[in-house]
Amino acid sequence: MEDLLDRMRRNPAADWTIRDVETLCRRYNILCEPARGGGSHYKIGHGMMAEKLTIPYKRPIKPVYIRRLVAFVEEVRTL
């Protein structure tokens, strides 16, 4: 899974999907769930962190969201 994290870090502008985001989150025990009520964003969070992320389901996911996700995962790894 380090490979997926490294690829996201090196190329945040690639054609990443929400499935890639879910796979990465599962690997690091990070909550990744769709919005309730039919929203278009997934909620990303971890029990040890106050910060929450929202990532749009729409493809391609913009690089800014992938950069934020990579930073979030790296912070979770240090816990």
PDB file of N, CA and C in Angstrom:
ATOM      1  N   MET A   1       0.814  -1.195   0.000  1.00  0.00           N
ATOM      2  CA  MET A   1       0.000   0.000   0.000  1.00  0.00           C
ATOM      3  C   MET A   1       0.860   1.261   0.000  1.00  0.00           C
ATOM      4  N   GLU A   2       2.095   1.135   0.463  1.00  0.00           N
ATOM      5  CA  GLU A   2       2.986   2.278   0.370  1.00  0.00           C
ATOM      6  C   GLU A   2       3.090   2.728  -1.082  1.00  0.00           C
ATOM      7  N   ASP A   3       3.016   1.763  -1.985  1.00  0.00           N
ATOM      8  CA  ASP A   3       3.115   2.075  -3.401  1.00  0.00           C
ATOM      9  C   ASP A   3       1.997   3.034  -3.830  1.00  0.00           C
ATOM     10  N   LEU A   4       0.762   2.786  -3.396  1.00  0.00           N
ATOM     11  CA  LEU A   4      -0.358   3.670  -3.744  1.00  0.00           C
ATOM     12  C   LEU A   4      -0.147   5.054  -3.134  1.00  0.00           C
ATOM     13  N   LEU A   5       0.255   5.107  -1.890  1.00  0.00           N
ATOM     14  CA  LEU A   5       0.516   6.391  -1.240  1.00  0.00           C
ATOM     15  C   LEU A   5       1.636   7.135  -1.959  1.00  0.00           C
ATOM     16  N   ASP A   6       2.702   6.430  -2.309  1.00  0.00           N
ATOM     17  CA  ASP A   6       3.812   7.061  -3.030  1.00  0.00           C
ATOM     18  C   ASP A   6       3.377   7.561  -4.399  1.00  0.00           C
ATOM     19  N   ARG A   7       2.575   6.775  -5.106  1.00  0.00           N
ATOM     20  CA  ARG A   7       2.105   7.199  -6.423  1.00  0.00           C
ATOM     21  C   ARG A   7       1.219   8.435  -6.306  1.00  0.00           C
ATOM     22  N   MET A   8       0.380   8.489  -5.277  1.00  0.00           N
ATOM     23  CA  MET A   8      -0.466   9.672  -5.078  1.00  0.00           C
ATOM     24  C   MET A   8       0.393  10.886  -4.747  1.00  0.00           C
ATOM     25  N   ARG A   9       1.416  10.676  -3.930  1.00  0.00           N
ATOM     26  CA  ARG A   9       2.301  11.776  -3.553  1.00  0.00           C
ATOM     27  C   ARG A   9       3.044  12.310  -4.777  1.00  0.00           C
ATOM     28  N   ARG A  10       3.553  11.413  -5.618  1.00  0.00           N
ATOM     29  CA  ARG A  10       4.327  11.815  -6.792  1.00  0.00           C
ATOM     30  C   ARG A  10       3.475  12.413  -7.906  1.00  0.00           C
ATOM     31  N   ASN A  11       2.223  11.945  -8.028  1.00  0.00           N
ATOM     32  CA  ASN A  11       1.392  12.401  -9.144  1.00  0.00           C
ATOM     33  C   ASN A  11      -0.051  12.657  -8.685  1.00  0.00           C
ATOM     34  N   PRO A  12      -0.278  13.733  -7.946  1.00  0.00           N
ATOM     35  CA  PRO A  12      -1.640  14.005  -7.469  1.00  0.00           C
ATOM     36  C   PRO A  12      -2.610  14.352  -8.598  1.00  0.00           C
ATOM     37  N   ALA A  13      -2.090  14.663  -9.776  1.00  0.00           N
ATOM     38  CA  ALA A  13      -2.958  15.039 -10.896  1.00  0.00           C
ATOM     39  C   ALA A  13      -3.392  13.847 -11.744  1.00  0.00           C
ATOM     40  N   ALA A  14      -3.008  12.637 -11.357  1.00  0.00           N
ATOM     41  CA  ALA A  14      -3.417  11.448 -12.119  1.00  0.00           C
ATOM     42  C   ALA A  14      -4.933  11.286 -12.034  1.00  0.00           C
ATOM     43  N   ASP A  15      -5.443  10.359 -12.785  1.00  0.00           N
ATOM     44  CA  ASP A  15      -6.888  10.118 -12.826  1.00  0.00           C
ATOM     45  C   ASP A  15      -7.318   9.237 -11.646  1.00  0.00           C
ATOM     46  N   TRP A  16      -7.231   9.778 -10.423  1.00  0.00           N
ATOM     47  CA  TRP A  16      -7.574   9.030  -9.221  1.00  0.00           C
ATOM     48  C   TRP A  16      -9.080   8.920  -9.080  1.00  0.00           C
ATOM     49  N   THR A  17      -9.529   7.790  -8.581  1.00  0.00           N
ATOM     50  CA  THR A  17     -10.962   7.563  -8.365  1.00  0.00           C
ATOM     51  C   THR A  17     -11.236   7.472  -6.873  1.00  0.00           C
ATOM     52  N   ILE A  18     -12.491   7.517  -6.533  1.00  0.00           N
ATOM     53  CA  ILE A  18     -12.876   7.388  -5.127  1.00  0.00           C
ATOM     54  C   ILE A  18     -12.534   5.987  -4.624  1.00  0.00           C
ATOM     55  N   ARG A  19     -12.483   5.011  -5.511  1.00  0.00           N
ATOM     56  CA  ARG A  19     -12.084   3.646  -5.117  1.00  0.00           C
ATOM     57  C   ARG A  19     -10.626   3.625  -4.673  1.00  0.00           C
ATOM     58  N   ASP A  20      -9.771   4.394  -5.340  1.00  0.00           N
ATOM     59  CA  ASP A  20      -8.373   4.505  -4.922  1.00  0.00           C
ATOM     60  C   ASP A  20      -8.293   5.122  -3.529  1.00  0.00           C
ATOM     61  N   VAL A  21      -9.088   6.137  -3.301  1.00  0.00           N
ATOM     62  CA  VAL A  21      -9.131   6.804  -1.998  1.00  0.00           C
ATOM     63  C   VAL A  21      -9.599   5.813  -0.925  1.00  0.00           C
ATOM     64  N   GLU A  22     -10.646   5.059  -1.220  1.00  0.00           N
ATOM     65  CA  GLU A  22     -11.153   4.072  -0.262  1.00  0.00           C
ATOM     66  C   GLU A  22     -10.094   3.013   0.053  1.00  0.00           C
ATOM     67  N   THR A  23      -9.392   2.554  -0.963  1.00  0.00           N
ATOM     68  CA  THR A  23      -8.358   1.539  -0.771  1.00  0.00           C
ATOM     69  C   THR A  23      -7.264   2.055   0.149  1.00  0.00           C
ATOM     70  N   LEU A  24      -6.813   3.262  -0.083  1.00  0.00           N
ATOM     71  CA  LEU A  24      -5.773   3.859   0.747  1.00  0.00           C
ATOM     72  C   LEU A  24      -6.265   4.027   2.185  1.00  0.00           C
ATOM     73  N   CYS A  25      -7.470   4.504   2.353  1.00  0.00           N
ATOM     74  CA  CYS A  25      -8.018   4.719   3.688  1.00  0.00           C
ATOM     75  C   CYS A  25      -8.162   3.402   4.451  1.00  0.00           C
ATOM     76  N   ARG A  26      -8.608   2.365   3.772  1.00  0.00           N
ATOM     77  CA  ARG A  26      -8.759   1.056   4.409  1.00  0.00           C
ATOM     78  C   ARG A  26      -7.423   0.562   4.942  1.00  0.00           C
ATOM     79  N   ARG A  27      -6.377   0.772   4.173  1.00  0.00           N
ATOM     80  CA  ARG A  27      -5.036   0.306   4.558  1.00  0.00           C
ATOM     81  C   ARG A  27      -4.574   0.945   5.864  1.00  0.00           C
ATOM     82  N   TYR A  28      -4.946   2.183   6.097  1.00  0.00           N
ATOM     83  CA  TYR A  28      -4.504   2.908   7.282  1.00  0.00           C
ATOM     84  C   TYR A  28      -5.611   3.068   8.326  1.00  0.00           C
ATOM     85  N   ASN A  29      -6.659   2.282   8.207  1.00  0.00           N
ATOM     86  CA  ASN A  29      -7.784   2.316   9.162  1.00  0.00           C
ATOM     87  C   ASN A  29      -8.371   3.713   9.309  1.00  0.00           C
ATOM     88  N   ILE A  30      -8.530   4.362   8.189  1.00  0.00           N
ATOM     89  CA  ILE A  30      -9.124   5.697   8.146  1.00  0.00           C
ATOM     90  C   ILE A  30     -10.555   5.555   7.644  1.00  0.00           C
ATOM     91  N   LEU A  31     -11.460   6.229   8.311  1.00  0.00           N
ATOM     92  CA  LEU A  31     -12.867   6.192   7.925  1.00  0.00           C
ATOM     93  C   LEU A  31     -13.056   6.910   6.590  1.00  0.00           C
ATOM     94  N   CYS A  32     -13.742   6.257   5.675  1.00  0.00           N
ATOM     95  CA  CYS A  32     -14.035   6.836   4.362  1.00  0.00           C
ATOM     96  C   CYS A  32     -15.447   6.404   4.000  1.00  0.00           C
ATOM     97  N   GLU A  33     -16.372   7.328   4.122  1.00  0.00           N
ATOM     98  CA  GLU A  33     -17.770   6.957   3.863  1.00  0.00           C
ATOM     99  C   GLU A  33     -18.475   8.026   3.044  1.00  0.00           C
ATOM    100  N   PRO A  34     -19.429   7.585   2.229  1.00  0.00           N
ATOM    101  CA  PRO A  34     -20.189   8.562   1.432  1.00  0.00           C
ATOM    102  C   PRO A  34     -21.076   9.408   2.334  1.00  0.00           C
ATOM    103  N   ALA A  35     -21.385  10.583   1.853  1.00  0.00           N
ATOM    104  CA  ALA A  35     -22.267  11.473   2.609  1.00  0.00           C
ATOM    105  C   ALA A  35     -23.648  10.848   2.729  1.00  0.00           C
ATOM    106  N   ARG A  36     -24.252  11.040   3.838  1.00  0.00           N
ATOM    107  CA  ARG A  36     -25.616  10.556   4.020  1.00  0.00           C
ATOM    108  C   ARG A  36     -26.570  11.510   3.331  1.00  0.00           C
ATOM    109  N   GLY A  37     -27.636  10.985   2.814  1.00  0.00           N
ATOM    110  CA  GLY A  37     -28.630  11.834   2.178  1.00  0.00           C
ATOM    111  C   GLY A  37     -28.324  12.154   0.730  1.00  0.00           C
ATOM    112  N   GLY A  38     -27.419  11.391   0.116  1.00  0.00           N
ATOM    113  CA  GLY A  38     -27.183  11.574  -1.307  1.00  0.00           C
ATOM    114  C   GLY A  38     -26.230  12.683  -1.682  1.00  0.00           C
ATOM    115  N   GLY A  39     -25.374  13.107  -0.777  1.00  0.00           N
ATOM    116  CA  GLY A  39     -24.401  14.149  -1.102  1.00  0.00           C
ATOM    117  C   GLY A  39     -23.355  13.647  -2.078  1.00  0.00           C
ATOM    118  N   SER A  40     -22.543  14.552  -2.592  1.00  0.00           N
ATOM    119  CA  SER A  40     -21.564  14.191  -3.614  1.00  0.00           C
ATOM    120  C   SER A  40     -20.135  14.095  -3.068  1.00  0.00           C
ATOM    121  N   HIS A  41     -19.958  14.178  -1.759  1.00  0.00           N
ATOM    122  CA  HIS A  41     -18.629  14.130  -1.162  1.00  0.00           C
ATOM    123  C   HIS A  41     -18.508  12.963  -0.186  1.00  0.00           C
ATOM    124  N   TYR A  42     -17.324  12.389  -0.131  1.00  0.00           N
ATOM    125  CA  TYR A  42     -17.017  11.370   0.867  1.00  0.00           C
ATOM    126  C   TYR A  42     -16.385  12.054   2.065  1.00  0.00           C
ATOM    127  N   LYS A  43     -16.648  11.522   3.241  1.00  0.00           N
ATOM    128  CA  LYS A  43     -16.061  12.050   4.468  1.00  0.00           C
ATOM    129  C   LYS A  43     -14.899  11.156   4.872  1.00  0.00           C
ATOM    130  N   ILE A  44     -13.779  11.792   5.179  1.00  0.00           N
ATOM    131  CA  ILE A  44     -12.559  11.096   5.568  1.00  0.00           C
ATOM    132  C   ILE A  44     -12.212  11.539   6.981  1.00  0.00           C
ATOM    133  N   GLY A  45     -11.985  10.580   7.877  1.00  0.00           N
ATOM    134  CA  GLY A  45     -11.645  10.932   9.246  1.00  0.00           C
ATOM    135  C   GLY A  45     -10.958   9.794   9.967  1.00  0.00           C
ATOM    136  N   HIS A  46     -10.407  10.111  11.128  1.00  0.00           N
ATOM    137  CA  HIS A  46      -9.739   9.119  11.969  1.00  0.00           C
ATOM    138  C   HIS A  46     -10.043   9.485  13.414  1.00  0.00           C
ATOM    139  N   GLY A  47     -10.274   8.493  14.239  1.00  0.00           N
ATOM    140  CA  GLY A  47     -10.656   8.712  15.627  1.00  0.00           C
ATOM    141  C   GLY A  47      -9.658   9.486  16.462  1.00  0.00           C
ATOM    142  N   MET A  48      -8.389   9.436  16.079  1.00  0.00           N
ATOM    143  CA  MET A  48      -7.345  10.118  16.848  1.00  0.00           C
ATOM    144  C   MET A  48      -7.083  11.541  16.360  1.00  0.00           C
ATOM    145  N   MET A  49      -7.811  11.974  15.344  1.00  0.00           N
ATOM    146  CA  MET A  49      -7.577  13.303  14.778  1.00  0.00           C
ATOM    147  C   MET A  49      -8.870  14.112  14.753  1.00  0.00           C
ATOM    148  N   ALA A  50      -8.760  15.369  15.073  1.00  0.00           N
ATOM    149  CA  ALA A  50      -9.929  16.249  15.042  1.00  0.00           C
ATOM    150  C   ALA A  50     -10.263  16.672  13.613  1.00  0.00           C
ATOM    151  N   GLU A  51      -9.260  16.744  12.767  1.00  0.00           N
ATOM    152  CA  GLU A  51      -9.453  17.185  11.382  1.00  0.00           C
ATOM    153  C   GLU A  51     -10.255  16.158  10.586  1.00  0.00           C
ATOM    154  N   LYS A  52     -11.128  16.635   9.741  1.00  0.00           N
ATOM    155  CA  LYS A  52     -11.909  15.804   8.813  1.00  0.00           C
ATOM    156  C   LYS A  52     -11.688  16.349   7.408  1.00  0.00           C
ATOM    157  N   LEU A  53     -11.721  15.473   6.434  1.00  0.00           N
ATOM    158  CA  LEU A  53     -11.613  15.879   5.038  1.00  0.00           C
ATOM    159  C   LEU A  53     -12.898  15.532   4.318  1.00  0.00           C
ATOM    160  N   THR A  54     -13.181  16.263   3.271  1.00  0.00           N
ATOM    161  CA  THR A  54     -14.251  15.878   2.358  1.00  0.00           C
ATOM    162  C   THR A  54     -13.633  15.815   0.972  1.00  0.00           C
ATOM    163  N   ILE A  55     -13.966  14.748   0.261  1.00  0.00           N
ATOM    164  CA  ILE A  55     -13.429  14.541  -1.081  1.00  0.00           C
ATOM    165  C   ILE A  55     -14.598  14.282  -2.014  1.00  0.00           C
ATOM    166  N   PRO A  56     -14.692  15.029  -3.102  1.00  0.00           N
ATOM    167  CA  PRO A  56     -15.816  14.840  -4.023  1.00  0.00           C
ATOM    168  C   PRO A  56     -15.722  13.506  -4.752  1.00  0.00           C
ATOM    169  N   TYR A  57     -16.861  12.939  -5.014  1.00  0.00           N
ATOM    170  CA  TYR A  57     -16.945  11.675  -5.722  1.00  0.00           C
ATOM    171  C   TYR A  57     -16.599  11.849  -7.200  1.00  0.00           C
ATOM    172  N   LYS A  58     -16.811  13.034  -7.718  1.00  0.00           N
ATOM    173  CA  LYS A  58     -16.644  13.324  -9.144  1.00  0.00           C
ATOM    174  C   LYS A  58     -15.225  13.006  -9.626  1.00  0.00           C
ATOM    175  N   ARG A  59     -15.150  12.404 -10.825  1.00  0.00           N
ATOM    176  CA  ARG A  59     -13.866  12.084 -11.428  1.00  0.00           C
ATOM    177  C   ARG A  59     -13.512  13.109 -12.475  1.00  0.00           C
ATOM    178  N   PRO A  60     -12.262  13.410 -12.696  1.00  0.00           N
ATOM    179  CA  PRO A  60     -11.143  13.020 -11.846  1.00  0.00           C
ATOM    180  C   PRO A  60     -11.125  13.862 -10.572  1.00  0.00           C
ATOM    181  N   ILE A  61     -10.620  13.273  -9.529  1.00  0.00           N
ATOM    182  CA  ILE A  61     -10.505  14.007  -8.266  1.00  0.00           C
ATOM    183  C   ILE A  61      -9.368  15.025  -8.433  1.00  0.00           C
ATOM    184  N   LYS A  62      -9.632  16.254  -8.108  1.00  0.00           N
ATOM    185  CA  LYS A  62      -8.651  17.327  -8.306  1.00  0.00           C
ATOM    186  C   LYS A  62      -7.408  17.101  -7.434  1.00  0.00           C
ATOM    187  N   PRO A  63      -6.247  17.511  -7.947  1.00  0.00           N
ATOM    188  CA  PRO A  63      -4.985  17.306  -7.224  1.00  0.00           C
ATOM    189  C   PRO A  63      -4.972  17.880  -5.805  1.00  0.00           C
ATOM    190  N   VAL A  64      -5.658  18.981  -5.582  1.00  0.00           N
ATOM    191  CA  VAL A  64      -5.660  19.575  -4.240  1.00  0.00           C
ATOM    192  C   VAL A  64      -6.235  18.600  -3.210  1.00  0.00           C
ATOM    193  N   TYR A  65      -7.244  17.836  -3.579  1.00  0.00           N
ATOM    194  CA  TYR A  65      -7.835  16.863  -2.661  1.00  0.00           C
ATOM    195  C   TYR A  65      -6.893  15.691  -2.416  1.00  0.00           C
ATOM    196  N   ILE A  66      -6.178  15.269  -3.433  1.00  0.00           N
ATOM    197  CA  ILE A  66      -5.231  14.161  -3.276  1.00  0.00           C
ATOM    198  C   ILE A  66      -4.066  14.602  -2.390  1.00  0.00           C
ATOM    199  N   ARG A  67      -3.598  15.834  -2.572  1.00  0.00           N
ATOM    200  CA  ARG A  67      -2.516  16.344  -1.709  1.00  0.00           C
ATOM    201  C   ARG A  67      -2.960  16.395  -0.250  1.00  0.00           C
ATOM    202  N   ARG A  68      -4.167  16.846  -0.018  1.00  0.00           N
ATOM    203  CA  ARG A  68      -4.695  16.891   1.359  1.00  0.00           C
ATOM    204  C   ARG A  68      -4.824  15.491   1.936  1.00  0.00           C
ATOM    205  N   LEU A  69      -5.271  14.536   1.121  1.00  0.00           N
ATOM    206  CA  LEU A  69      -5.405  13.159   1.579  1.00  0.00           C
ATOM    207  C   LEU A  69      -4.044  12.574   1.930  1.00  0.00           C
ATOM    208  N   VAL A  70      -3.048  12.795   1.089  1.00  0.00           N
ATOM    209  CA  VAL A  70      -1.697  12.292   1.358  1.00  0.00           C
ATOM    210  C   VAL A  70      -1.171  12.875   2.666  1.00  0.00           C
ATOM    211  N   ALA A  71      -1.343  14.160   2.891  1.00  0.00           N
ATOM    212  CA  ALA A  71      -0.900  14.793   4.140  1.00  0.00           C
ATOM    213  C   ALA A  71      -1.640  14.210   5.335  1.00  0.00           C
ATOM    214  N   PHE A  72      -2.948  13.964   5.169  1.00  0.00           N
ATOM    215  CA  PHE A  72      -3.757  13.388   6.235  1.00  0.00           C
ATOM    216  C   PHE A  72      -3.247  11.985   6.590  1.00  0.00           C
ATOM    217  N   VAL A  73      -3.010  11.162   5.577  1.00  0.00           N
ATOM    218  CA  VAL A  73      -2.517   9.794   5.807  1.00  0.00           C
ATOM    219  C   VAL A  73      -1.149   9.830   6.473  1.00  0.00           C
ATOM    220  N   GLU A  74      -0.286  10.707   6.045  1.00  0.00           N
ATOM    221  CA  GLU A  74       1.031  10.807   6.652  1.00  0.00           C
ATOM    222  C   GLU A  74       0.937  11.216   8.115  1.00  0.00           C
ATOM    223  N   GLU A  75       0.000  12.068   8.436  1.00  0.00           N
ATOM    224  CA  GLU A  75      -0.196  12.454   9.833  1.00  0.00           C
ATOM    225  C   GLU A  75      -0.728  11.287  10.659  1.00  0.00           C
ATOM    226  N   VAL A  76      -1.658  10.517  10.092  1.00  0.00           N
ATOM    227  CA  VAL A  76      -2.189   9.331  10.784  1.00  0.00           C
ATOM    228  C   VAL A  76      -1.065   8.323  11.019  1.00  0.00           C
ATOM    229  N   ARG A  77      -0.179   8.174  10.077  1.00  0.00           N
ATOM    230  CA  ARG A  77       0.932   7.215  10.216  1.00  0.00           C
ATOM    231  C   ARG A  77       1.830   7.561  11.386  1.00  0.00           C
ATOM    232  N   THR A  78       1.903   8.830  11.770  1.00  0.00           N
ATOM    233  CA  THR A  78       2.774   9.230  12.877  1.00  0.00           C
ATOM    234  C   THR A  78       2.139   9.013  14.242  1.00  0.00           C
ATOM    235  N   LEU A  79       0.854   8.709  14.264  1.00  0.00           N
ATOM    236  CA  LEU A  79       0.164   8.508  15.556  1.00  0.00           C
ATOM    237  C   LEU A  79       0.603   7.213  16.217  1.00  0.00           C
TER     238      LEU A  79
END
